[in-house]
C-alpha atoms as a PDB file:
ATOM      1  CA  UNK A   1      18.259   2.745  58.853  1.00  0.00           C
ATOM      2  CA  UNK A   2      18.747   0.071  56.818  1.00  0.00           C
ATOM      3  CA  UNK A   3      15.914  -0.876  55.271  1.00  0.00           C
ATOM      4  CA  UNK A   4      14.948   3.045  54.631  1.00  0.00           C
ATOM      5  CA  UNK A   5      18.535   3.393  52.677  1.00  0.00           C
ATOM      6  CA  UNK A   6      17.452  -0.135  50.475  1.00  0.00           C
ATOM      7  CA  UNK A   7      13.385   0.906  50.132  1.00  0.00           C
ATOM      8  CA  UNK A   8      15.044   4.563  49.020  1.00  0.00           C
ATOM      9  CA  UNK A   9      17.241   2.969  46.390  1.00  0.00           C
ATOM     10  CA  UNK A  10      14.649   1.392  44.953  1.00  0.00           C
ATOM     11  CA  UNK A  11      12.290   3.496  45.204  1.00  0.00           C
ATOM     12  CA  UNK A  12      14.520   6.943  43.903  1.00  0.00           C
ATOM     13  CA  UNK A  13      15.291   5.478  40.567  1.00  0.00           C
ATOM     14  CA  UNK A  14      11.675   4.916  39.725  1.00  0.00           C
ATOM     15  CA  UNK A  15      10.801   7.950  40.457  1.00  0.00           C
ATOM     16  CA  UNK A  16      13.519   9.399  39.209  1.00  0.00           C
ATOM     17  CA  UNK A  17      12.761   7.442  35.650  1.00  0.00           C
ATOM     18  CA  UNK A  18       8.383   8.138  36.241  1.00  0.00           C
ATOM     19  CA  UNK A  19       9.712  12.131  36.958  1.00  0.00           C
ATOM     20  CA  UNK A  20      12.097  12.353  33.912  1.00  0.00           C
ATOM     21  CA  UNK A  21       9.428  12.121  31.296  1.00  0.00           C
ATOM     22  CA  UNK A  22       8.162  14.824  31.662  1.00  0.00           C
ATOM     23  CA  UNK A  23      11.104  17.241  31.542  1.00  0.00           C
ATOM     24  CA  UNK A  24      13.724  15.096  28.706  1.00  0.00           C
ATOM     25  CA  UNK A  25      13.196  17.211  25.749  1.00  0.00           C
ATOM     26  CA  UNK A  26      13.209  14.840  22.368  1.00  0.00           C
ATOM     27  CA  UNK A  27      14.406  14.904  18.595  1.00  0.00           C
ATOM     28  CA  UNK A  28      11.423  12.275  16.682  1.00  0.00           C
ATOM     29  CA  UNK A  29      13.839   9.942  14.614  1.00  0.00           C
ATOM     30  CA  UNK A  30      10.919   8.106  12.539  1.00  0.00           C
ATOM     31  CA  UNK A  31      12.342   4.813  10.241  1.00  0.00           C
ATOM     32  CA  UNK A  32      10.138   2.641   9.121  1.00  0.00           C
ATOM     33  CA  UNK A  33      11.057  -1.231   6.592  1.00  0.00           C
ATOM     34  CA  UNK A  34      11.650   0.659   3.910  1.00  0.00           C
ATOM     35  CA  UNK A  35      14.154   3.526   4.925  1.00  0.00           C
ATOM     36  CA  UNK A  36      13.024   6.873   5.671  1.00  0.00           C
ATOM     37  CA  UNK A  37       9.632   7.174   6.821  1.00  0.00           C
ATOM     38  CA  UNK A  38       7.195   8.561   4.513  1.00  0.00           C
ATOM     39  CA  UNK A  39       6.746  12.436   4.126  1.00  0.00           C
ATOM     40  CA  UNK A  40       3.307  12.506   5.234  1.00  0.00           C
ATOM     41  CA  UNK A  41       3.699  11.141   7.963  1.00  0.00           C
ATOM     42  CA  UNK A  42       7.197  12.238   8.396  1.00  0.00           C
ATOM     43  CA  UNK A  43       5.413  15.781   8.596  1.00  0.00           C
ATOM     44  CA  UNK A  44       2.594  14.491  10.917  1.00  0.00           C
ATOM     45  CA  UNK A  45       5.296  14.105  13.334  1.00  0.00           C
ATOM     46  CA  UNK A  46       7.487  16.297  12.985  1.00  0.00           C
ATOM     47  CA  UNK A  47       5.482  18.419  15.363  1.00  0.00           C
ATOM     48  CA  UNK A  48       6.347  16.988  18.577  1.00  0.00           C
ATOM     49  CA  UNK A  49       9.996  17.578  18.033  1.00  0.00           C
ATOM     50  CA  UNK A  50      11.109  20.032  21.760  1.00  0.00           C
ATOM     51  CA  UNK A  51       8.119  17.844  23.203  1.00  0.00           C
ATOM     52  CA  UNK A  52       8.125  16.528  27.014  1.00  0.00           C
ATOM     53  CA  UNK A  53       8.916  12.582  26.756  1.00  0.00           C
ATOM     54  CA  UNK A  54       5.109  12.207  28.202  1.00  0.00           C
ATOM     55  CA  UNK A  55       3.421  14.403  25.202  1.00  0.00           C
ATOM     56  CA  UNK A  56       6.018  13.126  22.424  1.00  0.00           C
ATOM     57  CA  UNK A  57       4.542   9.484  23.142  1.00  0.00           C
ATOM     58  CA  UNK A  58       1.209  10.375  23.585  1.00  0.00           C
ATOM     59  CA  UNK A  59       0.840  13.106  20.025  1.00  0.00           C
ATOM     60  CA  UNK A  60       2.770  10.144  17.936  1.00  0.00           C
ATOM     61  CA  UNK A  61       0.740   7.561  18.923  1.00  0.00           C
ATOM     62  CA  UNK A  62      -3.109   9.645  18.399  1.00  0.00           C
ATOM     63  CA  UNK A  63      -1.076  10.372  15.027  1.00  0.00           C
ATOM     64  CA  UNK A  64      -0.442   7.139  14.236  1.00  0.00           C
ATOM     65  CA  UNK A  65      -3.556   5.800  15.414  1.00  0.00           C
ATOM     66  CA  UNK A  66      -5.141   7.069  12.360  1.00  0.00           C
ATOM     67  CA  UNK A  67      -2.983   6.976   9.749  1.00  0.00           C
ATOM     68  CA  UNK A  68      -4.231   4.640   6.636  1.00  0.00           C
ATOM     69  CA  UNK A  69      -0.752   4.175   6.020  1.00  0.00           C
ATOM     70  CA  UNK A  70       0.511   1.891   8.780  1.00  0.00           C
ATOM     71  CA  UNK A  71       0.038  -1.143  10.177  1.00  0.00           C
ATOM     72  CA  UNK A  72       1.698  -1.055  13.104  1.00  0.00           C
ATOM     73  CA  UNK A  73       4.601   0.452  15.127  1.00  0.00           C
ATOM     74  CA  UNK A  74       6.218   0.699  18.211  1.00  0.00           C
ATOM     75  CA  UNK A  75       8.160   3.026  19.712  1.00  0.00           C
ATOM     76  CA  UNK A  76      10.917   3.066  21.839  1.00  0.00           C
ATOM     77  CA  UNK A  77      13.197   5.804  24.203  1.00  0.00           C
ATOM     78  CA  UNK A  78      16.929   6.091  23.201  1.00  0.00           C
ATOM     79  CA  UNK A  79      19.362   8.120  26.047  1.00  0.00           C
ATOM     80  CA  UNK A  80      20.086  10.397  25.881  1.00  0.00           C
ATOM     81  CA  UNK A  81      16.743  13.000  24.607  1.00  0.00           C
ATOM     82  CA  UNK A  82      15.699  10.131  20.768  1.00  0.00           C
ATOM     83  CA  UNK A  83      12.342   8.773  20.721  1.00  0.00           C
ATOM     84  CA  UNK A  84      12.678   5.995  18.069  1.00  0.00           C
ATOM     85  CA  UNK A  85       9.240   5.533  15.767  1.00  0.00           C
ATOM     86  CA  UNK A  86       9.764   2.209  13.832  1.00  0.00           C
ATOM     87  CA  UNK A  87       6.091   2.101  11.395  1.00  0.00           C
ATOM     88  CA  UNK A  88       5.698  -0.635   9.809  1.00  0.00           C
ATOM     89  CA  UNK A  89       4.095   0.580   6.375  1.00  0.00           C
ATOM     90  CA  UNK A  90       1.142  -0.768   4.269  1.00  0.00           C
ATOM     91  CA  UNK A  91       2.470  -0.961   0.529  1.00  0.00           C
ATOM     92  CA  UNK A  92      -0.192   0.202  -2.429  1.00  0.00           C
ATOM     93  CA  UNK A  93      -0.675  -2.669  -5.067  1.00  0.00           C
ATOM     94  CA  UNK A  94      -2.191  -0.257  -8.068  1.00  0.00           C
ATOM     95  CA  UNK A  95      -3.250   3.042  -9.184  1.00  0.00           C
ATOM     96  CA  UNK A  96      -7.016   3.540 -10.089  1.00  0.00           C
ATOM     97  CA  UNK A  97      -7.686   6.594 -12.442  1.00  0.00           C
ATOM     98  CA  UNK A  98     -10.181   8.230 -13.119  1.00  0.00           C
ATOM     99  CA  UNK A  99     -10.691   8.672 -16.616  1.00  0.00           C
ATOM    100  CA  UNK A 100     -12.472  11.502 -16.766  1.00  0.00           C
ATOM    101  CA  UNK A 101     -10.525  13.587 -14.537  1.00  0.00           C
ATOM    102  CA  UNK A 102      -7.289  12.036 -14.550  1.00  0.00           C
ATOM    103  CA  UNK A 103      -7.460  11.848 -10.613  1.00  0.00           C
ATOM    104  CA  UNK A 104      -5.509   8.075  -8.255  1.00  0.00           C
ATOM    105  CA  UNK A 105      -5.535   6.592  -5.774  1.00  0.00           C
ATOM    106  CA  UNK A 106      -3.404   4.736  -4.343  1.00  0.00           C
ATOM    107  CA  UNK A 107      -4.714   1.281  -3.281  1.00  0.00           C
ATOM    108  CA  UNK A 108      -3.873  -1.533  -0.932  1.00  0.00           C
ATOM    109  CA  UNK A 109      -3.895  -5.766  -1.895  1.00  0.00           C
ATOM    110  CA  UNK A 110      -7.083  -5.601   0.274  1.00  0.00           C
ATOM    111  CA  UNK A 111      -9.111  -2.966  -1.600  1.00  0.00           C
ATOM    112  CA  UNK A 112      -8.403  -0.025   0.718  1.00  0.00           C
ATOM    113  CA  UNK A 113      -8.039   3.012  -0.417  1.00  0.00           C
ATOM    114  CA  UNK A 114      -4.276   4.743   0.895  1.00  0.00           C
ATOM    115  CA  UNK A 115      -4.285   7.797  -0.535  1.00  0.00           C
ATOM    116  CA  UNK A 116      -4.830   9.936  -3.473  1.00  0.00           C
ATOM    117  CA  UNK A 117      -1.715  11.027  -6.178  1.00  0.00           C
ATOM    118  CA  UNK A 118      -1.051  13.889  -8.320  1.00  0.00           C
ATOM    119  CA  UNK A 119       1.028  10.565 -10.343  1.00  0.00           C
ATOM    120  CA  UNK A 120       2.177   7.135 -10.421  1.00  0.00           C
ATOM    121  CA  UNK A 121       4.763   4.565 -10.397  1.00  0.00           C
ATOM    122  CA  UNK A 122       2.318   1.351  -9.681  1.00  0.00           C
ATOM    123  CA  UNK A 123       0.261  -0.902 -12.887  1.00  0.00           C
ATOM    124  CA  UNK A 124      -2.803   1.320 -13.187  1.00  0.00           C
ATOM    125  CA  UNK A 125      -6.407   0.494 -13.829  1.00  0.00           C
ATOM    126  CA  UNK A 126      -8.307   3.186 -15.320  1.00  0.00           C
ATOM    127  CA  UNK A 127     -11.920   3.263 -14.603  1.00  0.00           C
ATOM    128  CA  UNK A 128     -15.043   5.081 -15.742  1.00  0.00           C
ATOM    129  CA  UNK A 129     -16.893   6.028 -12.707  1.00  0.00           C
ATOM    130  CA  UNK A 130     -16.284   8.153  -9.924  1.00  0.00           C
ATOM    131  CA  UNK A 131     -13.146   7.597  -7.263  1.00  0.00           C
ATOM    132  CA  UNK A 132     -14.351   6.405  -4.188  1.00  0.00           C
ATOM    133  CA  UNK A 133     -12.236   8.652  -0.968  1.00  0.00           C
ATOM    134  CA  UNK A 134      -9.021   7.586   1.031  1.00  0.00           C
ATOM    135  CA  UNK A 135     -10.389   5.338   3.560  1.00  0.00           C
ATOM    136  CA  UNK A 136     -12.817   3.492   1.795  1.00  0.00           C
ATOM    137  CA  UNK A 137     -12.758   0.623  -0.168  1.00  0.00           C
ATOM    138  CA  UNK A 138     -13.442  -0.376  -3.412  1.00  0.00           C
ATOM    139  CA  UNK A 139     -15.925  -2.926  -5.036  1.00  0.00           C
ATOM    140  CA  UNK A 140     -15.620  -6.795  -5.581  1.00  0.00           C
ATOM    141  CA  UNK A 141     -15.619  -5.547  -9.535  1.00  0.00           C
ATOM    142  CA  UNK A 142     -12.515  -3.182  -9.327  1.00  0.00           C
ATOM    143  CA  UNK A 143     -10.995  -6.010  -6.297  1.00  0.00           C
ATOM    144  CA  UNK A 144     -10.989  -8.865  -9.107  1.00  0.00           C
ATOM    145  CA  UNK A 145      -9.509  -6.316 -12.125  1.00  0.00           C
ATOM    146  CA  UNK A 146      -6.615  -5.597  -9.186  1.00  0.00           C
ATOM    147  CA  UNK A 147      -5.954  -9.028  -8.511  1.00  0.00           C
ATOM    148  CA  UNK A 148      -5.413  -9.667 -11.998  1.00  0.00           C
ATOM    149  CA  UNK A 149      -3.973  -6.055 -12.752  1.00  0.00           C
ATOM    150  CA  UNK A 150      -1.375  -7.891 -10.673  1.00  0.00           C
ATOM    151  CA  UNK A 151      -1.341 -10.869 -12.152  1.00  0.00           C
ATOM    152  CA  UNK A 152      -0.456  -9.440 -16.397  1.00  0.00           C
ATOM    153  CA  UNK A 153       2.392  -7.019 -14.675  1.00  0.00           C
ATOM    154  CA  UNK A 154       4.318  -9.668 -13.271  1.00  0.00           C
ATOM    155  CA  UNK A 155       3.909 -12.111 -15.741  1.00  0.00           C
ATOM    156  CA  UNK A 156       4.522  -8.920 -18.679  1.00  0.00           C
ATOM    157  CA  UNK A 157       5.900  -5.731 -17.105  1.00  0.00           C
ATOM    158  CA  UNK A 158       2.057  -4.385 -18.364  1.00  0.00           C
ATOM    159  CA  UNK A 159       1.368  -0.928 -15.763  1.00  0.00           C
ATOM    160  CA  UNK A 160      -1.798   0.149 -18.253  1.00  0.00           C
ATOM    161  CA  UNK A 161      -5.455  -1.946 -18.219  1.00  0.00           C
ATOM    162  CA  UNK A 162      -9.156  -0.582 -18.512  1.00  0.00           C
ATOM    163  CA  UNK A 163     -12.007  -1.757 -16.659  1.00  0.00           C
ATOM    164  CA  UNK A 164     -14.290  -1.297 -19.548  1.00  0.00           C
ATOM    165  CA  UNK A 165     -18.113  -2.440 -20.328  1.00  0.00           C
ATOM    166  CA  UNK A 166     -17.535  -5.270 -17.039  1.00  0.00           C
ATOM    167  CA  UNK A 167     -14.242  -6.114 -18.276  1.00  0.00           C
ATOM    168  CA  UNK A 168     -10.913  -5.385 -18.354  1.00  0.00           C
ATOM    169  CA  UNK A 169      -8.736  -4.852 -20.997  1.00  0.00           C
ATOM    170  CA  UNK A 170      -4.816  -5.429 -21.755  1.00  0.00           C
ATOM    171  CA  UNK A 171      -2.178  -5.176 -24.645  1.00  0.00           C
ATOM    172  CA  UNK A 172       0.184  -7.375 -25.019  1.00  0.00           C
ATOM    173  CA  UNK A 173       3.431  -6.472 -26.841  1.00  0.00           C
ATOM    174  CA  UNK A 174       2.809  -8.563 -29.884  1.00  0.00           C
ATOM    175  CA  UNK A 175      -0.763  -5.714 -30.260  1.00  0.00           C
ATOM    176  CA  UNK A 176      -2.804  -8.601 -28.319  1.00  0.00           C
ATOM    177  CA  UNK A 177      -5.387  -7.191 -26.449  1.00  0.00           C
ATOM    178  CA  UNK A 178      -7.173  -9.837 -23.442  1.00  0.00           C
ATOM    179  CA  UNK A 179     -10.309  -9.608 -22.624  1.00  0.00           C
ATOM    180  CA  UNK A 180     -10.850 -10.646 -18.908  1.00  0.00           C
ATOM    181  CA  UNK A 181     -13.873 -11.064 -17.322  1.00  0.00           C
ATOM    182  CA  UNK A 182     -15.045  -9.740 -14.199  1.00  0.00           C
ATOM    183  CA  UNK A 183     -15.790 -12.739 -11.880  1.00  0.00           C
ATOM    184  CA  UNK A 184     -14.533 -15.817 -12.006  1.00  0.00           C
ATOM    185  CA  UNK A 185     -10.579 -16.837 -10.602  1.00  0.00           C
ATOM    186  CA  UNK A 186      -8.732 -14.828 -11.483  1.00  0.00           C
ATOM    187  CA  UNK A 187      -5.537 -17.472 -11.128  1.00  0.00           C
ATOM    188  CA  UNK A 188      -7.078 -19.562 -13.048  1.00  0.00           C
ATOM    189  CA  UNK A 189      -7.873 -17.158 -15.804  1.00  0.00           C
ATOM    190  CA  UNK A 190      -3.843 -15.545 -15.650  1.00  0.00           C
ATOM    191  CA  UNK A 191      -2.922 -19.569 -15.986  1.00  0.00           C
ATOM    192  CA  UNK A 192      -4.802 -19.530 -19.391  1.00  0.00           C
ATOM    193  CA  UNK A 193      -3.195 -16.591 -20.234  1.00  0.00           C
ATOM    194  CA  UNK A 194       0.002 -17.639 -19.242  1.00  0.00           C
ATOM    195  CA  UNK A 195      -0.537 -20.720 -21.726  1.00  0.00           C
ATOM    196  CA  UNK A 196      -2.017 -19.433 -24.592  1.00  0.00           C
ATOM    197  CA  UNK A 197       0.602 -16.684 -25.028  1.00  0.00           C
ATOM    198  CA  UNK A 198       3.542 -18.442 -24.345  1.00  0.00           C
ATOM    199  CA  UNK A 199       1.866 -20.867 -27.054  1.00  0.00           C
ATOM    200  CA  UNK A 200       1.369 -18.302 -29.924  1.00  0.00           C
ATOM    201  CA  UNK A 201       5.243 -16.818 -29.443  1.00  0.00           C
ATOM    202  CA  UNK A 202       6.917 -20.738 -29.476  1.00  0.00           C
ATOM    203  CA  UNK A 203       4.825 -20.552 -32.509  1.00  0.00           C
ATOM    204  CA  UNK A 204       5.481 -17.243 -34.197  1.00  0.00           C
ATOM    205  CA  UNK A 205       1.567 -16.766 -34.117  1.00  0.00           C
ATOM    206  CA  UNK A 206       1.604 -13.169 -32.484  1.00  0.00           C
ATOM    207  CA  UNK A 207       1.263 -11.891 -35.747  1.00  0.00           C
ATOM    208  CA  UNK A 208      -2.388 -13.843 -36.537  1.00  0.00           C
ATOM    209  CA  UNK A 209      -4.123 -12.949 -33.658  1.00  0.00           C
ATOM    210  CA  UNK A 210      -5.248  -9.339 -32.220  1.00  0.00           C
ATOM    211  CA  UNK A 211      -7.679 -10.504 -29.135  1.00  0.00           C
ATOM    212  CA  UNK A 212      -7.924 -12.887 -26.494  1.00  0.00           C
ATOM    213  CA  UNK A 213     -11.050 -13.010 -25.125  1.00  0.00           C
ATOM    214  CA  UNK A 214     -11.609 -15.637 -21.537  1.00  0.00           C
ATOM    215  CA  UNK A 215     -15.061 -14.334 -20.716  1.00  0.00           C
ATOM    216  CA  UNK A 216     -15.730 -17.513 -22.091  1.00  0.00           C
ATOM    217  CA  UNK A 217     -15.378 -20.970 -21.040  1.00  0.00           C
ATOM    218  CA  UNK A 218     -13.068 -22.110 -24.019  1.00  0.00           C
ATOM    219  CA  UNK A 219     -10.946 -18.589 -24.605  1.00  0.00           C
ATOM    220  CA  UNK A 220     -11.938 -17.168 -27.862  1.00  0.00           C
ATOM    221  CA  UNK A 221      -8.364 -16.349 -30.120  1.00  0.00           C
ATOM    222  CA  UNK A 222      -9.561 -13.491 -32.914  1.00  0.00           C
END
């Protein structure tokens, strides 16, 4: 009899925990490393409010498994009825703009299109070509342009640049246009720009030049 009672004391709580998943109606509480979840994700998860814990967990996992903005996530049930969803959200590095339509796509550092947008506060690269769709990757040439655009933004807070005729064009303060090639070593190119531009500013020669052309082994100033 004692053995039966001990077994029951162990089995019954476990059984109650397992079966309670089908009866507890949960509320979704979604957070990311930036605070609240992105609206487009919250909208997808809020449909599981009021569902059973079992159904909500299955639904949330399915919704997040195909979500491009998410690199990882975790689920945690909190008494009495909270299903906490913790997200690790991918961060877009650059926005690409279609020069003809004015449409934007937001792209991460790996070159994957995370979403479309009407505008963006990110560094913007204008292209003379059709933009790829969400979930697709940009070309290697445009990925190289992305690295250069991020670098010039970090150094000089220049948000806008343009890919044209096989080069990346950037306008620096002092009305100096920089012409980058779209191949090579981005770190070397950015380092060359930093040295040349710093030297021009130190010598007070910004007004004497309008262009820094980095497409050649020896940069050309015009």
